[in-house]
C-alpha atoms as a PDB file:
ATOM      1  CA  MET A   1     100.142 129.397  55.686  1.00  0.00           C
ATOM      2  CA  THR A   2      96.692 129.013  53.121  1.00  0.00           C
ATOM      3  CA  ALA A   3      97.105 126.883  50.410  1.00  0.00           C
ATOM      4  CA  PRO A   4      96.046 128.868  47.053  1.00  0.00           C
ATOM      5  CA  HIS A   5      92.836 126.494  46.291  1.00  0.00           C
ATOM      6  CA  GLU A   6      91.761 127.136  50.019  1.00  0.00           C
ATOM      7  CA  ALA A   7      91.907 130.963  49.702  1.00  0.00           C
ATOM      8  CA  ARG A   8      89.284 131.174  47.236  1.00  0.00           C
ATOM      9  CA  ALA A   9      86.695 129.179  49.175  1.00  0.00           C
ATOM     10  CA  LEU A  10      83.598 130.697  50.741  1.00  0.00           C
ATOM     11  CA  ARG A  11      82.859 130.432  54.298  1.00  0.00           C
ATOM     12  CA  GLN A  12      79.916 131.124  56.525  1.00  0.00           C
ATOM     13  CA  THR A  13      79.450 130.353  60.339  1.00  0.00           C
ATOM     14  CA  LEU A  14      76.336 128.459  61.019  1.00  0.00           C
ATOM     15  CA  ARG A  15      75.105 126.963  64.226  1.00  0.00           C
ATOM     16  CA  VAL A  16      74.471 123.224  64.900  1.00  0.00           C
ATOM     17  CA  VAL A  17      70.487 122.681  65.395  1.00  0.00           C
ATOM     18  CA  GLY A  18      70.565 119.126  65.815  1.00  0.00           C
ATOM     19  CA  VAL A  19      72.658 115.687  65.328  1.00  0.00           C
ATOM     20  CA  GLU A  20      71.060 112.765  63.983  1.00  0.00           C
ATOM     21  CA  GLY A  21      73.404 109.673  63.718  1.00  0.00           C
ATOM     22  CA  ALA A  22      76.071 110.525  61.061  1.00  0.00           C
ATOM     23  CA  ARG A  23      74.378 113.769  60.068  1.00  0.00           C
ATOM     24  CA  VAL A  24      74.466 117.068  61.370  1.00  0.00           C
ATOM     25  CA  ARG A  25      71.654 119.886  60.716  1.00  0.00           C
ATOM     26  CA  LEU A  26      72.675 123.147  60.472  1.00  0.00           C
ATOM     27  CA  ALA A  27      70.763 126.701  60.555  1.00  0.00           C
ATOM     28  CA  GLY A  28      71.931 130.151  59.653  1.00  0.00           C
ATOM     29  CA  ASP A  29      70.577 133.329  58.536  1.00  0.00           C
ATOM     30  CA  ARG A  30      69.982 133.860  54.743  1.00  0.00           C
ATOM     31  CA  LEU A  31      72.469 136.779  53.519  1.00  0.00           C
ATOM     32  CA  SER A  32      71.641 138.870  50.684  1.00  0.00           C
ATOM     33  CA  GLY A  33      74.558 140.035  48.668  1.00  0.00           C
ATOM     34  CA  CYS A  34      73.833 143.843  49.391  1.00  0.00           C
ATOM     35  CA  ALA A  35      72.897 143.222  52.839  1.00  0.00           C
ATOM     36  CA  ALA A  36      75.404 145.991  53.859  1.00  0.00           C
ATOM     37  CA  CYS A  37      75.575 148.018  50.655  1.00  0.00           C
ATOM     38  CA  ALA A  38      75.431 151.763  50.752  1.00  0.00           C
ATOM     39  CA  ALA A  39      72.956 151.651  48.180  1.00  0.00           C
ATOM     40  CA  ARG A  40      70.539 149.630  49.752  1.00  0.00           C
ATOM     41  CA  ALA A  41      67.568 151.909  50.150  1.00  0.00           C
ATOM     42  CA  GLY A  42      67.335 152.142  46.484  1.00  0.00           C
ATOM     43  CA  CYS A  43      68.460 148.708  45.614  1.00  0.00           C
ATOM     44  CA  GLY A  44      65.815 146.247  44.057  1.00  0.00           C
ATOM     45  CA  ALA A  45      67.503 142.957  44.880  1.00  0.00           C
ATOM     46  CA  GLY A  46      67.852 144.248  48.683  1.00  0.00           C
ATOM     47  CA  ALA A  47      64.102 145.293  48.599  1.00  0.00           C
ATOM     48  CA  LEU A  48      63.072 141.934  47.043  1.00  0.00           C
ATOM     49  CA  ALA A  49      65.302 140.088  49.923  1.00  0.00           C
ATOM     50  CA  GLU A  50      63.377 142.036  52.748  1.00  0.00           C
ATOM     51  CA  MET A  51      60.041 141.057  51.058  1.00  0.00           C
ATOM     52  CA  LEU A  52      60.276 137.438  50.776  1.00  0.00           C
ATOM     53  CA  ASP A  53      61.994 136.885  54.466  1.00  0.00           C
ATOM     54  CA  ALA A  54      62.413 133.427  53.459  1.00  0.00           C
ATOM     55  CA  GLY A  55      63.506 132.530  56.997  1.00  0.00           C
ATOM     56  CA  PRO A  56      66.495 130.712  58.183  1.00  0.00           C
ATOM     57  CA  LEU A  57      68.890 128.486  55.743  1.00  0.00           C
ATOM     58  CA  GLU A  58      68.868 125.059  56.807  1.00  0.00           C
ATOM     59  CA  ILE A  59      71.246 122.401  55.617  1.00  0.00           C
ATOM     60  CA  THR A  60      72.264 118.791  56.540  1.00  0.00           C
ATOM     61  CA  LEU A  61      75.716 117.776  56.286  1.00  0.00           C
ATOM     62  CA  PRO A  62      77.860 114.412  57.113  1.00  0.00           C
ATOM     63  CA  ARG A  63      79.087 115.105  60.807  1.00  0.00           C
ATOM     64  CA  GLY A  64      82.986 115.168  60.110  1.00  0.00           C
ATOM     65  CA  ALA A  65      83.695 116.323  63.600  1.00  0.00           C
ATOM     66  CA  PRO A  66      82.393 116.048  67.230  1.00  0.00           C
ATOM     67  CA  VAL A  67      79.538 118.495  67.638  1.00  0.00           C
ATOM     68  CA  ALA A  68      76.531 119.200  69.724  1.00  0.00           C
ATOM     69  CA  PRO A  69      73.450 121.303  69.353  1.00  0.00           C
ATOM     70  CA  GLY A  70      74.284 124.890  70.162  1.00  0.00           C
ATOM     71  CA  ASP A  71      78.148 124.663  68.711  1.00  0.00           C
ATOM     72  CA  ARG A  72      78.789 126.882  65.728  1.00  0.00           C
ATOM     73  CA  VAL A  73      80.628 125.571  62.894  1.00  0.00           C
ATOM     74  CA  VAL A  74      82.533 127.350  59.871  1.00  0.00           C
ATOM     75  CA  VAL A  75      81.645 125.580  56.634  1.00  0.00           C
ATOM     76  CA  ALA A  76      83.549 126.327  53.209  1.00  0.00           C
ATOM     77  CA  MET A  77      82.706 125.591  49.733  1.00  0.00           C
ATOM     78  CA  GLU A  78      85.543 125.874  47.136  1.00  0.00           C
ATOM     79  CA  GLY A  79      85.020 129.001  44.916  1.00  0.00           C
ATOM     80  CA  GLY A  80      84.940 126.843  41.642  1.00  0.00           C
ATOM     81  CA  ALA A  81      82.355 124.540  43.219  1.00  0.00           C
ATOM     82  CA  PHE A  82      80.201 127.804  43.924  1.00  0.00           C
ATOM     83  CA  LEU A  83      80.287 128.962  40.601  1.00  0.00           C
ATOM     84  CA  GLY A  84      79.226 125.722  39.161  1.00  0.00           C
ATOM     85  CA  ALA A  85      76.252 125.781  41.329  1.00  0.00           C
ATOM     86  CA  ALA A  86      75.573 129.524  40.644  1.00  0.00           C
ATOM     87  CA  GLY A  87      75.885 128.663  36.899  1.00  0.00           C
ATOM     88  CA  LEU A  88      73.381 125.752  36.930  1.00  0.00           C
ATOM     89  CA  ALA A  89      70.934 127.873  38.880  1.00  0.00           C
ATOM     90  CA  TYR A  90      71.532 131.728  37.685  1.00  0.00           C
ATOM     91  CA  LEU A  91      73.169 131.160  34.056  1.00  0.00           C
ATOM     92  CA  LEU A  92      71.899 128.477  32.566  1.00  0.00           C
ATOM     93  CA  PRO A  93      67.970 129.133  32.807  1.00  0.00           C
ATOM     94  CA  PRO A  94      67.860 132.622  31.647  1.00  0.00           C
ATOM     95  CA  ALA A  95      70.586 131.745  28.840  1.00  0.00           C
ATOM     96  CA  ALA A  96      68.293 128.742  27.567  1.00  0.00           C
ATOM     97  CA  LEU A  97      65.292 131.278  27.854  1.00  0.00           C
ATOM     98  CA  VAL A  98      66.886 133.681  25.632  1.00  0.00           C
ATOM     99  CA  ALA A  99      68.437 131.064  23.015  1.00  0.00           C
ATOM    100  CA  ALA A 100      64.605 129.416  22.863  1.00  0.00           C
ATOM    101  CA  ALA A 101      63.109 133.023  22.305  1.00  0.00           C
ATOM    102  CA  ALA A 102      65.424 134.118  19.906  1.00  0.00           C
ATOM    103  CA  GLY A 103      65.013 130.910  18.162  1.00  0.00           C
ATOM    104  CA  PHE A 104      61.407 130.689  18.180  1.00  0.00           C
ATOM    105  CA  ALA A 105      61.080 134.323  17.051  1.00  0.00           C
ATOM    106  CA  ALA A 106      63.610 133.614  14.181  1.00  0.00           C
ATOM    107  CA  LEU A 107      60.944 131.087  13.011  1.00  0.00           C
ATOM    108  CA  GLY A 108      58.372 133.695  12.390  1.00  0.00           C
ATOM    109  CA  LEU A 109      56.207 132.400  15.489  1.00  0.00           C
ATOM    110  CA  SER A 110      54.132 135.082  17.115  1.00  0.00           C
ATOM    111  CA  ASP A 111      54.945 136.419  20.611  1.00  0.00           C
ATOM    112  CA  LEU A 112      52.007 134.361  22.074  1.00  0.00           C
ATOM    113  CA  TRP A 113      53.571 131.177  20.681  1.00  0.00           C
ATOM    114  CA  VAL A 114      57.171 132.153  21.442  1.00  0.00           C
ATOM    115  CA  ALA A 115      56.142 132.581  25.043  1.00  0.00           C
ATOM    116  CA  ALA A 116      53.997 129.619  25.491  1.00  0.00           C
ATOM    117  CA  LEU A 117      57.018 127.636  24.040  1.00  0.00           C
ATOM    118  CA  CYS A 118      59.151 129.233  26.383  1.00  0.00           C
ATOM    119  CA  ALA A 119      57.590 127.943  29.421  1.00  0.00           C
ATOM    120  CA  PRO A 120      58.441 124.349  28.992  1.00  0.00           C
ATOM    121  CA  VAL A 121      62.178 125.487  28.113  1.00  0.00           C
ATOM    122  CA  LEU A 122      62.296 127.290  31.065  1.00  0.00           C
ATOM    123  CA  ALA A 123      61.279 124.093  33.078  1.00  0.00           C
ATOM    124  CA  LEU A 124      63.755 122.146  31.440  1.00  0.00           C
ATOM    125  CA  ALA A 125      66.522 124.543  32.236  1.00  0.00           C
ATOM    126  CA  LEU A 126      65.891 124.159  35.730  1.00  0.00           C
ATOM    127  CA  LEU A 127      66.163 120.696  35.894  1.00  0.00           C
ATOM    128  CA  PRO A 128      70.098 120.370  36.220  1.00  0.00           C
ATOM    129  CA  ALA A 129      70.046 122.697  39.360  1.00  0.00           C
ATOM    130  CA  TRP A 130      67.024 120.374  40.628  1.00  0.00           C
ATOM    131  CA  ARG A 131      68.935 117.040  39.890  1.00  0.00           C
ATOM    132  CA  ALA A 132      72.114 118.583  41.430  1.00  0.00           C
ATOM    133  CA  ASP A 133      70.422 119.356  44.734  1.00  0.00           C
ATOM    134  CA  ARG A 134      68.385 116.011  44.790  1.00  0.00           C
ATOM    135  CA  ARG A 135      71.671 113.998  44.533  1.00  0.00           C
ATOM    136  CA  GLY A 136      73.279 116.139  47.258  1.00  0.00           C
ATOM    137  CA  ARG A 137      76.194 117.425  44.822  1.00  0.00           C
ATOM    138  CA  ILE A 138      75.754 121.076  45.885  1.00  0.00           C
ATOM    139  CA  ALA A 139      75.713 119.827  49.662  1.00  0.00           C
ATOM    140  CA  ALA A 140      78.676 117.716  48.968  1.00  0.00           C
ATOM    141  CA  ALA A 141      80.539 120.682  48.228  1.00  0.00           C
ATOM    142  CA  LEU A 142      80.322 121.948  51.707  1.00  0.00           C
ATOM    143  CA  ARG A 143      82.681 121.004  54.383  1.00  0.00           C
ATOM    144  CA  ILE A 144      83.045 121.793  58.171  1.00  0.00           C
ATOM    145  CA  GLU A 145      86.373 123.571  58.794  1.00  0.00           C
ATOM    146  CA  GLU A 146      86.240 124.503  62.648  1.00  0.00           C
ATOM    147  CA  VAL A 147      83.925 123.818  65.464  1.00  0.00           C
ATOM    148  CA  ILE A 148      83.338 126.643  67.932  1.00  0.00           C
ATOM    149  CA  PRO A 149      81.940 125.130  71.099  1.00  0.00           C
ATOM    150  CA  ALA A 150      78.608 126.658  72.523  1.00  0.00           C
ATOM    151  CA  GLY A 151      80.421 128.089  75.549  1.00  0.00           C
ATOM    152  CA  ALA A 152      83.171 129.923  73.376  1.00  0.00           C
ATOM    153  CA  ARG A 153      82.729 133.622  72.607  1.00  0.00           C
ATOM    154  CA  PRO A 154      83.073 135.007  68.989  1.00  0.00           C
END
């Protein structure tokens, strides 16, 4: 039986592309939230994801289990850790931008000045996510749950 906190974990299967000492490099396809949505043809987010085609996702994690290149691993992240990372990246910057624009407009500044002053506010609002990524806090929330040897079928 799965513990309640484990049921809320997000999981994805990635392939091992390299093992370097105590670290393992993993790669997988970038997934769009609407990859299989019925409304994909008219979805702006789906069109943007296809247009960018950023290539495979690559991450490096501590090697918690014996793995070899070609193996596949199931990595998991607790739902709360994911929400924290998503909040830093997707909620904090727009909220700071809206608050700054409202504050600057309330001061009676012209639209040009509001826009000019919002640019550094947006840059500052992106710093917490950048720092969390640089310190490895986001990747540290990922853990390898299962190893699927290269010869095994899915």
